[in-house]
Protein backbone atom coordinates (compact mmCIF):
# COMPACT_ATOMS: atom_id res chain seq x y z
CA MET A 1 17.40 23.96 2.51
CA ARG A 2 14.29 26.11 2.76
CA ALA A 3 13.82 25.84 -1.02
CA LEU A 4 13.69 22.08 -0.56
CA TYR A 5 11.57 21.88 2.60
CA ALA A 6 9.56 24.58 4.37
CA GLY A 7 8.11 22.34 7.10
CA ASN A 8 4.53 22.86 5.92
CA ALA A 9 3.46 19.52 4.47
CA ARG A 10 0.30 19.74 6.59
CA SER A 11 -1.06 22.36 4.19
CA VAL A 12 -0.85 19.88 1.34
CA VAL A 13 -2.62 17.26 3.47
CA ALA A 14 -5.34 19.72 4.51
CA ARG A 15 -6.00 20.70 0.91
CA GLY A 16 -6.19 17.04 -0.14
CA LEU A 17 -8.61 16.13 2.64
CA LEU A 18 -10.88 19.02 1.68
CA ALA A 19 -10.90 17.90 -1.96
CA THR A 20 -11.56 14.27 -1.02
CA ARG A 21 -14.44 15.20 1.26
CA SER A 22 -16.17 17.18 -1.44
CA THR A 23 -15.65 14.97 -4.51
CA ASN A 24 -14.05 11.57 -3.95
CA TRP A 25 -15.54 10.00 -0.81
CA LEU A 26 -17.47 7.40 -2.82
CA VAL A 27 -14.23 6.27 -4.47
CA VAL A 28 -12.60 5.94 -1.05
CA LEU A 29 -15.55 3.91 0.23
CA SER A 30 -15.52 1.54 -2.73
CA GLY A 31 -11.80 0.91 -2.23
CA PHE A 32 -12.50 -0.38 1.27
CA PHE A 33 -15.21 -2.83 0.26
CA GLU A 34 -13.27 -4.52 -2.56
CA PRO A 35 -11.00 -6.65 -0.30
CA VAL A 36 -13.95 -7.33 2.02
CA PHE A 37 -15.86 -8.85 -0.88
CA TYR A 38 -12.82 -10.95 -1.83
CA LEU A 39 -12.57 -12.16 1.76
CA LEU A 40 -16.21 -13.17 1.94
CA ALA A 41 -16.23 -14.81 -1.49
CA MET A 42 -12.86 -16.58 -1.28
CA GLY A 43 -12.33 -17.02 2.43
CA PHE A 44 -15.74 -18.46 3.20
CA GLY A 45 -16.98 -19.57 -0.21
CA LEU A 46 -13.88 -21.27 -1.58
CA GLY A 47 -12.56 -21.80 1.95
CA GLY A 48 -15.30 -24.34 2.60
CA LEU A 49 -13.78 -26.50 -0.14
CA VAL A 50 -10.12 -25.87 0.65
CA GLY A 51 -10.08 -26.46 4.40
CA ALA A 52 -6.88 -25.76 6.36
CA VAL A 53 -3.78 -24.27 4.74
CA SER A 54 -0.17 -24.26 5.97
CA THR A 55 1.58 -20.92 6.26
CA SER A 56 5.26 -20.41 5.45
CA THR A 57 6.07 -21.21 9.11
CA GLY A 58 4.25 -24.54 8.95
CA GLN A 59 1.23 -23.38 10.94
CA ASP A 60 -2.13 -24.80 9.85
CA VAL A 61 -4.88 -22.15 9.69
CA SER A 62 -8.28 -21.90 8.03
CA TYR A 63 -8.29 -20.63 4.47
CA GLY A 64 -10.08 -17.47 5.62
CA ALA A 65 -7.37 -16.77 8.21
CA PHE A 66 -4.75 -17.46 5.52
CA ILE A 67 -5.98 -14.96 2.93
CA ALA A 68 -7.33 -12.29 5.31
CA PRO A 69 -3.90 -10.81 6.25
CA ALA A 70 -2.88 -10.97 2.59
CA LEU A 71 -5.97 -8.98 1.62
CA LEU A 72 -5.12 -6.55 4.42
CA ALA A 73 -1.75 -5.97 2.75
CA VAL A 74 -3.46 -5.60 -0.63
CA SER A 75 -5.86 -3.07 0.86
CA ALA A 76 -2.96 -0.98 2.15
CA MET A 77 -1.21 -1.21 -1.21
CA ASN A 78 -4.30 -0.24 -3.21
CA GLY A 79 -5.13 2.74 -1.01
CA ALA A 80 -1.58 4.07 -1.10
CA VAL A 81 -1.00 3.44 -4.80
CA TYR A 82 -4.30 5.03 -5.88
CA ASP A 83 -3.51 8.26 -4.07
CA SER A 84 0.14 8.39 -5.11
CA THR A 85 -0.40 7.56 -8.79
CA TRP A 86 -3.71 8.53 -10.41
CA ASN A 87 -4.35 11.49 -8.13
CA VAL A 88 -0.77 12.69 -8.39
CA PHE A 89 -0.78 12.22 -12.18
CA PHE A 90 -3.84 14.43 -12.58
CA LYS A 91 -2.46 17.11 -10.26
CA MET A 92 0.91 17.07 -11.98
CA ASN A 93 -0.16 17.05 -15.63
CA TYR A 94 -3.67 18.49 -15.85
CA SER A 95 -4.66 20.66 -12.90
CA LYS A 96 -1.06 21.98 -12.64
CA LEU A 97 -1.54 22.01 -8.87
CA TYR A 98 2.09 21.39 -7.97
CA GLN A 99 3.31 24.31 -10.02
CA GLY A 100 1.06 26.54 -7.95
CA MET A 101 2.19 24.98 -4.67
CA LEU A 102 5.87 25.33 -5.51
CA SER A 103 5.43 28.97 -6.46
CA THR A 104 4.70 29.59 -2.77
CA SER A 105 7.01 28.94 0.17
CA LEU A 106 6.39 25.19 -0.13
CA GLY A 107 9.30 23.04 -1.30
CA PRO A 108 9.35 19.74 -3.20
CA LEU A 109 9.76 17.78 0.03
CA ASP A 110 6.66 19.47 1.48
CA VAL A 111 4.65 18.35 -1.54
CA ALA A 112 6.11 14.81 -1.39
CA PHE A 113 5.42 14.44 2.33
CA GLY A 114 1.95 15.92 1.95
CA GLU A 115 0.89 13.62 -0.88
CA ILE A 116 2.39 10.58 0.80
CA GLY A 117 0.62 11.61 4.01
CA LEU A 118 -2.69 11.57 2.16
CA ALA A 119 -1.93 8.10 0.85
CA LEU A 120 -1.06 6.98 4.38
CA LEU A 121 -4.37 8.26 5.70
CA ARG A 122 -6.26 6.32 3.05
CA GLY A 123 -4.23 3.21 3.78
CA ALA A 124 -4.92 3.62 7.52
CA VAL A 125 -8.66 3.98 6.95
CA TYR A 126 -8.76 0.86 4.77
CA ALA A 127 -6.61 -1.14 7.17
CA THR A 128 -8.50 -0.15 10.31
CA GLY A 129 -11.84 -1.05 8.76
CA PHE A 130 -10.51 -4.34 7.41
CA LEU A 131 -8.93 -5.29 10.75
CA ILE A 132 -12.31 -4.69 12.43
CA VAL A 133 -13.95 -6.98 9.86
CA MET A 134 -11.29 -9.63 10.54
CA GLN A 135 -11.87 -9.36 14.28
CA VAL A 136 -15.62 -9.71 13.90
CA LEU A 137 -15.14 -12.81 11.72
CA GLY A 138 -12.65 -14.34 14.16
CA LEU A 139 -9.72 -14.22 11.74
CA ASN A 140 -7.23 -12.46 14.01
CA LEU A 141 -5.57 -15.44 15.70
CA SER A 142 -3.13 -13.56 17.94
CA PHE A 143 -2.89 -10.39 20.03
CA PHE A 144 0.05 -9.48 17.77
CA ALA A 145 -2.65 -8.49 15.25
CA LEU A 146 -2.68 -5.12 17.05
CA LEU A 147 0.73 -4.49 15.48
CA ALA A 148 -0.73 -5.00 12.02
CA LEU A 149 -1.97 -1.40 11.94
CA PRO A 150 1.49 0.24 12.30
CA ALA A 151 2.80 -2.40 9.91
CA VAL A 152 0.15 -1.38 7.39
CA MET A 153 1.25 2.24 7.74
CA LEU A 154 4.81 1.22 6.95
CA VAL A 155 3.67 -0.72 3.89
CA ALA A 156 1.44 2.11 2.69
CA PHE A 157 4.27 4.62 3.16
CA ALA A 158 6.59 2.48 1.05
CA PHE A 159 4.11 1.98 -1.79
CA ALA A 160 3.09 5.65 -1.75
CA SER A 161 6.64 6.98 -1.91
CA PHE A 162 7.55 4.61 -4.72
CA GLY A 163 4.28 5.19 -6.56
CA MET A 164 4.78 8.93 -6.59
CA VAL A 165 8.24 8.80 -8.13
CA ILE A 166 7.07 6.35 -10.83
CA THR A 167 4.12 8.62 -11.64
CA SER A 168 6.45 11.57 -12.10
CA TYR A 169 7.79 9.85 -15.24
CA MET A 170 4.35 9.17 -16.74
CA LYS A 171 3.14 11.49 -19.50
CA THR A 172 -0.16 9.97 -20.69
CA PHE A 173 -3.11 8.07 -19.23
CA GLN A 174 -2.14 5.11 -21.42
CA GLN A 175 1.21 4.89 -19.65
CA MET A 176 -0.60 4.87 -16.30
CA ASP A 177 -2.13 1.53 -17.29
CA TRP A 178 1.32 0.03 -16.79
CA ILE A 179 0.79 0.45 -13.06
CA ASN A 180 -2.24 -1.85 -13.14
CA PHE A 181 -0.26 -4.24 -15.35
CA VAL A 182 2.28 -4.57 -12.50
CA MET A 183 -0.15 -4.54 -9.58
CA LEU A 184 -2.45 -7.28 -10.87
CA PRO A 185 0.23 -10.02 -11.06
CA MET A 186 1.49 -8.97 -7.62
CA PHE A 187 -2.03 -9.27 -6.26
CA LEU A 188 -2.55 -12.73 -7.74
CA PHE A 189 0.86 -14.33 -7.18
CA SER A 190 2.36 -12.84 -3.98
CA ALA A 191 1.22 -15.83 -1.89
CA THR A 192 -2.07 -14.00 -1.52
CA PHE A 193 -4.35 -16.95 -2.19
CA TYR A 194 -1.89 -19.87 -2.22
CA PRO A 195 1.20 -20.81 -0.19
CA LEU A 196 4.50 -19.90 -1.82
CA SER A 197 5.45 -23.58 -1.86
CA VAL A 198 2.97 -24.40 -4.66
CA TYR A 199 5.15 -22.55 -7.20
CA PRO A 200 8.34 -23.83 -8.86
CA GLU A 201 11.50 -22.73 -7.08
CA TRP A 202 12.56 -20.20 -9.72
CA ILE A 203 9.15 -18.51 -9.53
CA GLN A 204 9.42 -18.46 -5.74
CA VAL A 205 12.62 -16.42 -6.06
CA VAL A 206 10.85 -13.88 -8.28
CA ILE A 207 7.85 -13.63 -5.94
CA GLN A 208 10.10 -13.10 -2.91
CA ALA A 209 11.54 -10.02 -4.60
CA LEU A 210 8.09 -8.39 -4.88
CA PRO A 211 7.08 -5.82 -2.26
CA LEU A 212 3.60 -7.23 -1.83
CA TRP A 213 5.00 -10.64 -0.84
CA HIS A 214 6.93 -8.99 1.97
CA ALA A 215 3.78 -7.16 3.05
CA VAL A 216 1.73 -10.36 2.97
CA GLU A 217 4.29 -12.28 5.02
CA LEU A 218 4.51 -9.45 7.55
CA MET A 219 0.74 -9.22 8.01
CA ARG A 220 0.28 -12.99 8.06
CA GLY A 221 2.92 -13.41 10.73
CA LEU A 222 1.33 -10.78 12.95
CA THR A 223 -2.28 -11.94 12.62
CA THR A 224 -1.45 -15.63 13.11
CA GLY A 225 1.09 -15.05 15.89
CA ALA A 226 4.02 -16.49 13.94
CA VAL A 227 6.35 -13.67 14.99
CA SER A 228 10.09 -14.15 14.51
CA VAL A 229 13.32 -12.24 13.99
CA ALA A 230 13.02 -12.99 10.27
CA MET A 231 10.23 -10.40 10.10
CA VAL A 232 12.86 -7.68 10.54
CA TRP A 233 13.92 -8.41 6.95
CA HIS A 234 10.44 -7.46 5.73
CA VAL A 235 10.51 -4.23 7.73
CA LEU A 236 13.95 -3.29 6.38
CA TYR A 237 12.73 -3.96 2.83
CA PHE A 238 10.02 -1.30 3.24
CA VAL A 239 12.35 1.14 5.00
CA ALA A 240 14.62 0.92 1.95
CA MET A 241 11.64 1.49 -0.37
CA ILE A 242 10.67 4.60 1.59
CA ALA A 243 14.18 6.04 1.51
CA VAL A 244 14.60 5.47 -2.23
CA GLY A 245 11.12 6.77 -2.99
CA LEU A 246 11.53 10.00 -1.01
CA VAL A 247 14.94 10.78 -2.49
CA PHE A 248 13.85 10.27 -6.09
CA THR A 249 10.45 11.95 -5.65
CA THR A 250 12.09 15.08 -4.28
CA ARG A 251 14.63 15.12 -7.10
CA ARG A 252 11.94 14.66 -9.75
CA LEU A 253 9.79 17.47 -8.39
CA ARG A 254 12.79 19.80 -8.38
CA VAL A 255 13.69 18.87 -11.95
CA LEU A 256 10.11 19.20 -13.22
CA PHE A 257 9.05 22.41 -11.50
CA LEU A 258 12.04 24.31 -10.07
CA ASP A 259 15.07 23.85 -12.34
């Protein structure tokens, strides 16, 4: 068991934080402002033309309050995916960082937890800042919005664990573009800017299978106060993603660097 996990994932996190502080803080900062710009441009610019929008629970809210929780989910996804894909890809294939880590007492699960922890931290920073912006703009319509932060952590954890295992199969930078090819349609069509009901039924079924749709519905329910037992389904979806991601990430790291 020790070869798999040494209980020292914090060392991986500490190393990542040191590297981010010295080289990548501008990238982190830009990742926070992207959804804020979308919110200001779409929520208040286009929102003046759209007016009120009905959520999936039939609640009428302003267009800004409709897209803000969706952009919160997108922010969590982007922060987690960036750290668990591009950063991991470079460390795995070019800097050979993981080979060095696994030659010490660290195990594959330490590396997986450490990298996912870094992605969680980035997701938390993005989400906290965005929630503050939403509060200032009056877009948090319920005290349940306080639960959006732990919900964001769950979402970020799920995307990070899945992103890392997918990255472990990538061999070239060209293949990494497939990640953006998947994320962009999710961003545009996961009921982010429009209610799910505007799509044909067969497309609705496809959208409801996407992880970002579950994240959007979870955040939207919390920030608008439309909390129900049905939200447990969204939570379980991400718990399953985390479990699958951790299992396969650990296996891939063992195959790549220890076997």
